[in-house]
N, C-alpha and C. Protein backbone atom coordinates (compact mmCIF):
# COMPACT_ATOMS: atom_id res chain seq x y z
N MET A 1 -190.71 102.46 -165.53
CA MET A 1 -189.34 102.13 -165.05
C MET A 1 -189.00 102.83 -163.71
N LEU A 2 -188.83 102.25 -162.56
CA LEU A 2 -188.47 102.99 -161.63
C LEU A 2 -186.98 103.06 -161.32
N ILE A 3 -186.37 104.06 -160.54
CA ILE A 3 -184.96 104.01 -160.34
C ILE A 3 -184.87 103.93 -158.88
N ALA A 4 -184.00 103.14 -158.29
CA ALA A 4 -183.76 103.13 -156.79
C ALA A 4 -182.35 103.34 -156.32
N ASN A 5 -181.95 104.19 -155.53
CA ASN A 5 -180.58 104.42 -155.20
C ASN A 5 -180.11 103.99 -154.04
N ASN A 6 -181.07 103.11 -153.34
CA ASN A 6 -180.48 102.56 -151.74
C ASN A 6 -181.33 101.38 -151.59
N ASN A 7 -180.87 100.51 -150.76
CA ASN A 7 -181.63 99.14 -150.42
C ASN A 7 -182.83 99.48 -149.75
N GLU A 8 -183.12 100.48 -149.00
CA GLU A 8 -184.43 100.59 -148.38
C GLU A 8 -185.42 100.91 -149.23
N GLU A 9 -184.97 101.75 -150.46
CA GLU A 9 -186.11 102.00 -151.47
C GLU A 9 -186.52 100.62 -152.17
N ILE A 10 -185.44 99.97 -152.50
CA ILE A 10 -185.73 98.50 -153.09
C ILE A 10 -186.76 97.77 -152.19
N LYS A 11 -186.28 97.61 -150.94
CA LYS A 11 -187.12 96.81 -150.03
C LYS A 11 -188.44 97.03 -149.94
N ASN A 12 -188.71 98.37 -149.84
CA ASN A 12 -190.06 99.06 -149.91
C ASN A 12 -190.91 98.60 -151.12
N ILE A 13 -190.14 99.02 -152.09
CA ILE A 13 -190.87 98.55 -153.52
C ILE A 13 -191.24 97.13 -153.65
N ILE A 14 -190.20 96.27 -153.31
CA ILE A 14 -190.56 94.86 -153.25
C ILE A 14 -191.67 94.52 -152.36
N SER A 15 -191.83 94.89 -151.30
CA SER A 15 -192.87 94.72 -150.29
C SER A 15 -193.98 95.24 -150.44
N ASN A 16 -194.17 96.36 -151.33
CA ASN A 16 -195.51 96.88 -151.40
C ASN A 16 -196.05 96.44 -152.97
N ASN A 17 -195.34 95.54 -153.75
CA ASN A 17 -195.84 95.22 -155.02
C ASN A 17 -195.71 93.72 -155.05
N GLU A 18 -196.63 93.02 -155.66
CA GLU A 18 -196.65 91.70 -155.83
C GLU A 18 -195.40 91.25 -156.68
N MET A 19 -195.08 91.78 -157.81
CA MET A 19 -194.08 91.48 -158.69
C MET A 19 -193.07 92.49 -158.92
N VAL A 20 -191.85 92.37 -158.97
CA VAL A 20 -190.82 93.35 -159.18
C VAL A 20 -189.74 92.58 -159.88
N ILE A 21 -189.22 93.45 -160.82
CA ILE A 21 -187.97 92.99 -161.36
C ILE A 21 -186.82 93.92 -161.12
N LEU A 22 -185.70 93.55 -160.43
CA LEU A 22 -184.49 94.34 -160.38
C LEU A 22 -183.57 94.04 -161.64
N TYR A 23 -183.29 95.32 -162.13
CA TYR A 23 -182.64 95.15 -163.53
C TYR A 23 -181.30 95.99 -163.27
N PHE A 24 -180.18 95.16 -163.13
CA PHE A 24 -178.88 95.66 -162.92
C PHE A 24 -178.05 95.78 -164.22
N SER A 25 -177.59 96.90 -164.53
CA SER A 25 -176.73 97.15 -165.60
C SER A 25 -175.67 98.17 -165.46
N ASN A 26 -174.95 98.52 -166.45
CA ASN A 26 -174.00 99.70 -166.38
C ASN A 26 -174.03 100.37 -167.70
N LYS A 27 -173.45 101.60 -167.83
CA LYS A 27 -173.51 102.68 -168.93
C LYS A 27 -172.80 102.10 -170.20
N VAL A 28 -171.89 101.32 -170.11
CA VAL A 28 -171.08 100.98 -171.21
C VAL A 28 -171.29 99.61 -171.77
N CYS A 29 -172.36 98.94 -171.32
CA CYS A 29 -172.76 97.74 -171.74
C CYS A 29 -173.90 97.75 -172.77
N GLY A 30 -173.36 97.30 -173.97
CA GLY A 30 -174.40 97.24 -175.13
C GLY A 30 -175.40 96.44 -174.92
N ALA A 31 -175.30 95.07 -174.44
CA ALA A 31 -176.13 94.12 -174.01
C ALA A 31 -177.13 94.52 -173.00
N CYS A 32 -176.66 95.28 -172.12
CA CYS A 32 -177.66 95.68 -171.00
C CYS A 32 -178.82 96.47 -171.67
N ASP A 33 -178.28 97.43 -172.47
CA ASP A 33 -179.34 98.32 -173.20
C ASP A 33 -180.42 97.53 -173.97
N VAL A 34 -179.75 96.47 -174.82
CA VAL A 34 -180.68 95.60 -175.57
C VAL A 34 -181.64 94.92 -174.82
N ILE A 35 -181.01 94.22 -173.63
CA ILE A 35 -181.96 93.38 -172.88
C ILE A 35 -182.93 94.27 -172.26
N ARG A 36 -182.40 95.43 -171.64
CA ARG A 36 -183.46 96.16 -170.83
C ARG A 36 -184.67 96.47 -171.76
N SER A 37 -184.50 96.88 -173.04
CA SER A 37 -185.31 97.24 -173.91
C SER A 37 -186.33 96.03 -174.13
N LYS A 38 -185.88 94.75 -174.24
CA LYS A 38 -186.86 93.59 -174.47
C LYS A 38 -187.58 93.28 -173.29
N VAL A 39 -186.78 93.31 -172.07
CA VAL A 39 -187.66 93.34 -170.96
C VAL A 39 -188.81 94.22 -170.80
N GLN A 40 -188.52 95.54 -171.07
CA GLN A 40 -189.66 96.59 -171.24
C GLN A 40 -190.72 96.23 -172.18
N ASP A 41 -190.26 95.60 -173.19
CA ASP A 41 -191.46 95.09 -174.31
C ASP A 41 -192.26 94.01 -173.69
N ILE A 42 -191.57 93.03 -172.88
CA ILE A 42 -192.28 92.01 -172.33
C ILE A 42 -193.25 92.57 -171.21
N LEU A 43 -192.83 93.51 -170.44
CA LEU A 43 -193.68 93.99 -169.39
C LEU A 43 -194.81 94.89 -169.87
N GLU A 44 -194.77 95.44 -171.12
CA GLU A 44 -195.98 96.02 -171.53
C GLU A 44 -197.16 95.15 -171.52
N VAL A 45 -197.11 93.74 -171.55
CA VAL A 45 -198.31 93.03 -171.35
C VAL A 45 -198.61 92.80 -170.03
N TYR A 46 -197.63 92.91 -169.07
CA TYR A 46 -197.71 92.55 -167.59
C TYR A 46 -197.50 93.88 -166.92
N SER A 47 -198.65 94.71 -166.95
CA SER A 47 -198.28 96.10 -166.44
C SER A 47 -198.25 96.25 -164.97
N LYS A 48 -198.71 95.28 -164.23
CA LYS A 48 -198.58 95.31 -162.76
C LYS A 48 -197.23 94.86 -162.31
N VAL A 49 -196.29 94.37 -163.23
CA VAL A 49 -195.01 94.17 -162.65
C VAL A 49 -194.18 95.43 -162.77
N LYS A 50 -193.50 95.66 -161.64
CA LYS A 50 -192.71 96.69 -161.40
C LYS A 50 -191.16 96.61 -161.95
N LEU A 51 -190.64 97.43 -162.73
CA LEU A 51 -189.27 97.27 -163.03
C LEU A 51 -188.28 98.29 -162.44
N ILE A 52 -187.21 97.99 -161.61
CA ILE A 52 -186.47 98.75 -161.10
C ILE A 52 -185.13 98.62 -161.75
N ASP A 53 -184.69 99.86 -162.31
CA ASP A 53 -183.38 99.96 -163.10
C ASP A 53 -182.35 100.56 -162.07
N ILE A 54 -181.16 99.70 -162.01
CA ILE A 54 -180.12 100.03 -161.10
C ILE A 54 -178.76 99.97 -161.77
N ASN A 55 -178.08 101.16 -161.82
CA ASN A 55 -176.61 101.19 -162.34
C ASN A 55 -175.93 100.58 -161.43
N GLY A 56 -175.48 99.39 -161.91
CA GLY A 56 -174.50 98.61 -160.89
C GLY A 56 -173.15 99.17 -160.66
N GLU A 57 -172.65 100.01 -161.66
CA GLU A 57 -171.39 100.56 -161.45
C GLU A 57 -171.35 101.62 -160.55
N GLU A 58 -172.61 102.52 -160.41
CA GLU A 58 -172.58 103.58 -159.55
C GLU A 58 -173.12 103.23 -158.34
N GLN A 59 -173.90 101.94 -158.24
CA GLN A 59 -174.55 101.65 -156.97
C GLN A 59 -173.67 100.26 -156.57
N ILE A 60 -172.43 100.16 -156.50
CA ILE A 60 -171.79 98.99 -156.30
C ILE A 60 -172.10 98.30 -155.08
N GLU A 61 -172.45 99.11 -153.93
CA GLU A 61 -172.81 98.53 -152.71
C GLU A 61 -174.29 97.70 -152.88
N LEU A 62 -175.22 98.35 -153.57
CA LEU A 62 -176.51 97.66 -153.90
C LEU A 62 -176.18 96.33 -154.67
N ALA A 63 -175.34 96.35 -155.70
CA ALA A 63 -174.97 95.28 -156.54
C ALA A 63 -174.36 94.06 -155.48
N ALA A 64 -173.66 94.44 -154.73
CA ALA A 64 -173.05 93.39 -153.83
C ALA A 64 -174.08 93.06 -152.79
N GLN A 65 -174.93 93.54 -152.29
CA GLN A 65 -175.81 93.17 -151.32
C GLN A 65 -176.78 92.18 -152.01
N HIS A 66 -177.03 92.43 -153.41
CA HIS A 66 -177.94 91.38 -154.17
C HIS A 66 -177.14 90.25 -154.90
N ASN A 67 -175.74 90.20 -154.63
CA ASN A 67 -174.79 89.22 -155.25
C ASN A 67 -174.75 89.34 -156.66
N VAL A 68 -174.73 90.43 -157.04
CA VAL A 68 -174.55 90.80 -158.60
C VAL A 68 -173.10 90.99 -158.92
N PHE A 69 -172.61 90.15 -159.78
CA PHE A 69 -171.24 90.19 -160.24
C PHE A 69 -170.89 90.31 -161.55
N SER A 70 -172.00 90.28 -162.40
CA SER A 70 -171.77 90.69 -163.83
C SER A 70 -173.11 91.33 -164.34
N PHE A 71 -172.95 92.09 -165.51
CA PHE A 71 -174.07 92.71 -166.04
C PHE A 71 -174.48 92.23 -167.53
N PRO A 72 -175.51 92.29 -167.81
CA PRO A 72 -176.84 92.63 -167.12
C PRO A 72 -177.23 91.46 -166.21
N LEU A 73 -178.02 91.87 -165.26
CA LEU A 73 -178.78 90.92 -164.46
C LEU A 73 -180.08 91.15 -163.94
N ALA A 74 -181.02 90.21 -164.17
CA ALA A 74 -182.47 90.70 -163.95
C ALA A 74 -182.84 89.69 -162.76
N ILE A 75 -183.39 90.10 -161.70
CA ILE A 75 -183.93 89.27 -160.52
C ILE A 75 -185.33 89.63 -160.33
N LEU A 76 -186.29 88.55 -160.55
CA LEU A 76 -187.74 88.57 -160.37
C LEU A 76 -188.15 88.29 -159.05
N TYR A 77 -188.76 89.05 -158.30
CA TYR A 77 -189.27 88.82 -157.06
C TYR A 77 -190.84 88.80 -157.25
N VAL A 78 -191.36 87.62 -156.52
CA VAL A 78 -192.90 87.39 -156.55
C VAL A 78 -193.32 87.41 -155.03
N ASP A 79 -194.20 88.39 -154.54
CA ASP A 79 -194.52 88.32 -153.04
C ASP A 79 -193.23 88.47 -152.08
N GLY A 80 -192.46 89.14 -152.56
CA GLY A 80 -191.10 89.44 -151.81
C GLY A 80 -190.13 88.51 -151.77
N LYS A 81 -190.37 87.40 -152.57
CA LYS A 81 -189.37 86.13 -152.66
C LYS A 81 -188.73 86.17 -154.15
N GLU A 82 -187.40 85.92 -154.02
CA GLU A 82 -186.83 85.90 -155.37
C GLU A 82 -187.10 84.57 -155.86
N VAL A 83 -187.57 84.61 -157.21
CA VAL A 83 -188.05 83.40 -157.78
C VAL A 83 -187.17 82.96 -159.16
N MET A 84 -186.45 84.07 -159.64
CA MET A 84 -185.66 83.99 -160.86
C MET A 84 -184.70 84.86 -160.82
N ARG A 85 -183.42 84.50 -161.36
CA ARG A 85 -182.33 85.19 -161.67
C ARG A 85 -181.68 84.90 -163.00
N VAL A 86 -181.59 85.87 -163.85
CA VAL A 86 -181.08 85.56 -165.07
C VAL A 86 -180.17 86.67 -165.55
N GLY A 87 -178.99 86.14 -166.20
CA GLY A 87 -177.88 87.27 -166.35
C GLY A 87 -177.56 87.28 -167.97
N ARG A 88 -176.40 87.66 -168.27
CA ARG A 88 -176.03 87.86 -169.81
C ARG A 88 -176.57 86.97 -170.79
N ASN A 89 -176.51 85.61 -170.56
CA ASN A 89 -177.25 84.82 -171.50
C ASN A 89 -178.71 84.58 -171.26
N VAL A 90 -179.38 85.65 -171.14
CA VAL A 90 -181.01 85.51 -170.71
C VAL A 90 -181.64 84.88 -171.74
N ASN A 91 -182.53 83.96 -171.38
CA ASN A 91 -183.37 83.37 -172.35
C ASN A 91 -184.91 84.18 -172.13
N LEU A 92 -185.00 85.05 -172.86
CA LEU A 92 -186.04 85.99 -172.88
C LEU A 92 -187.61 85.28 -172.94
N LEU A 93 -187.56 84.17 -173.63
CA LEU A 93 -188.91 83.29 -173.58
C LEU A 93 -189.15 82.73 -172.40
N GLU A 94 -188.06 82.18 -171.73
CA GLU A 94 -188.13 81.53 -170.29
C GLU A 94 -188.43 82.63 -169.49
N LEU A 95 -187.84 83.73 -169.47
CA LEU A 95 -188.28 84.94 -168.61
C LEU A 95 -189.68 85.24 -168.77
N GLU A 96 -190.27 85.33 -169.78
CA GLU A 96 -191.61 85.69 -170.15
C GLU A 96 -192.57 84.53 -169.67
N HIS A 97 -192.36 83.64 -169.89
CA HIS A 97 -192.96 82.31 -169.51
C HIS A 97 -193.05 82.30 -167.85
N THR A 98 -192.03 82.67 -167.28
CA THR A 98 -191.92 82.62 -165.81
C THR A 98 -192.81 83.84 -165.23
N ILE A 99 -192.83 84.96 -166.09
CA ILE A 99 -193.38 86.20 -165.54
C ILE A 99 -195.02 85.80 -165.75
N LYS A 100 -195.35 85.28 -166.87
CA LYS A 100 -196.71 85.01 -167.18
C LYS A 100 -197.38 83.98 -166.26
N ARG A 101 -196.54 82.91 -165.91
CA ARG A 101 -197.00 81.96 -164.98
C ARG A 101 -197.45 82.67 -163.52
N TYR A 102 -196.51 83.39 -162.95
CA TYR A 102 -196.70 83.99 -161.73
C TYR A 102 -197.79 85.15 -161.86
N TYR A 103 -197.83 85.86 -162.77
CA TYR A 103 -198.80 86.89 -163.13
C TYR A 103 -200.21 86.44 -163.19
N ASP A 104 -200.34 85.30 -164.03
CA ASP A 104 -201.63 84.80 -163.92
C ASP A 104 -202.25 84.13 -162.65
N MET A 105 -201.40 83.77 -161.76
CA MET A 105 -201.81 83.20 -160.57
C MET A 105 -202.09 84.32 -159.60
N LEU A 106 -201.44 85.42 -159.70
CA LEU A 106 -201.53 86.72 -158.82
C LEU A 106 -202.76 87.58 -159.17
N PHE A 107 -203.04 87.83 -160.67
CA PHE A 107 -203.74 88.73 -161.00
C PHE A 107 -204.93 88.17 -161.73
């Protein structure tokens, strides 16, 4: 899991990797920790997908630049384009299916 502190770092990671997930959370959110853990478990199978963990409370400007208004929120980028955005009521099977579909096409 990568940690980014500014928008330039995020842009560089997104542009230099085929698949990236931005994961916005905060420290007091129990659901954030559970969902992060589940996303990390999914990504064990898809090792070329980069996961960037962003503390949205500390990085308010980053959250605003990515239109994040609640936590947790995961944004999937494929070839630099946003293809999926899932929030608090995330369907992990749908997320995994989408990751697999793009992963199989790219790798």
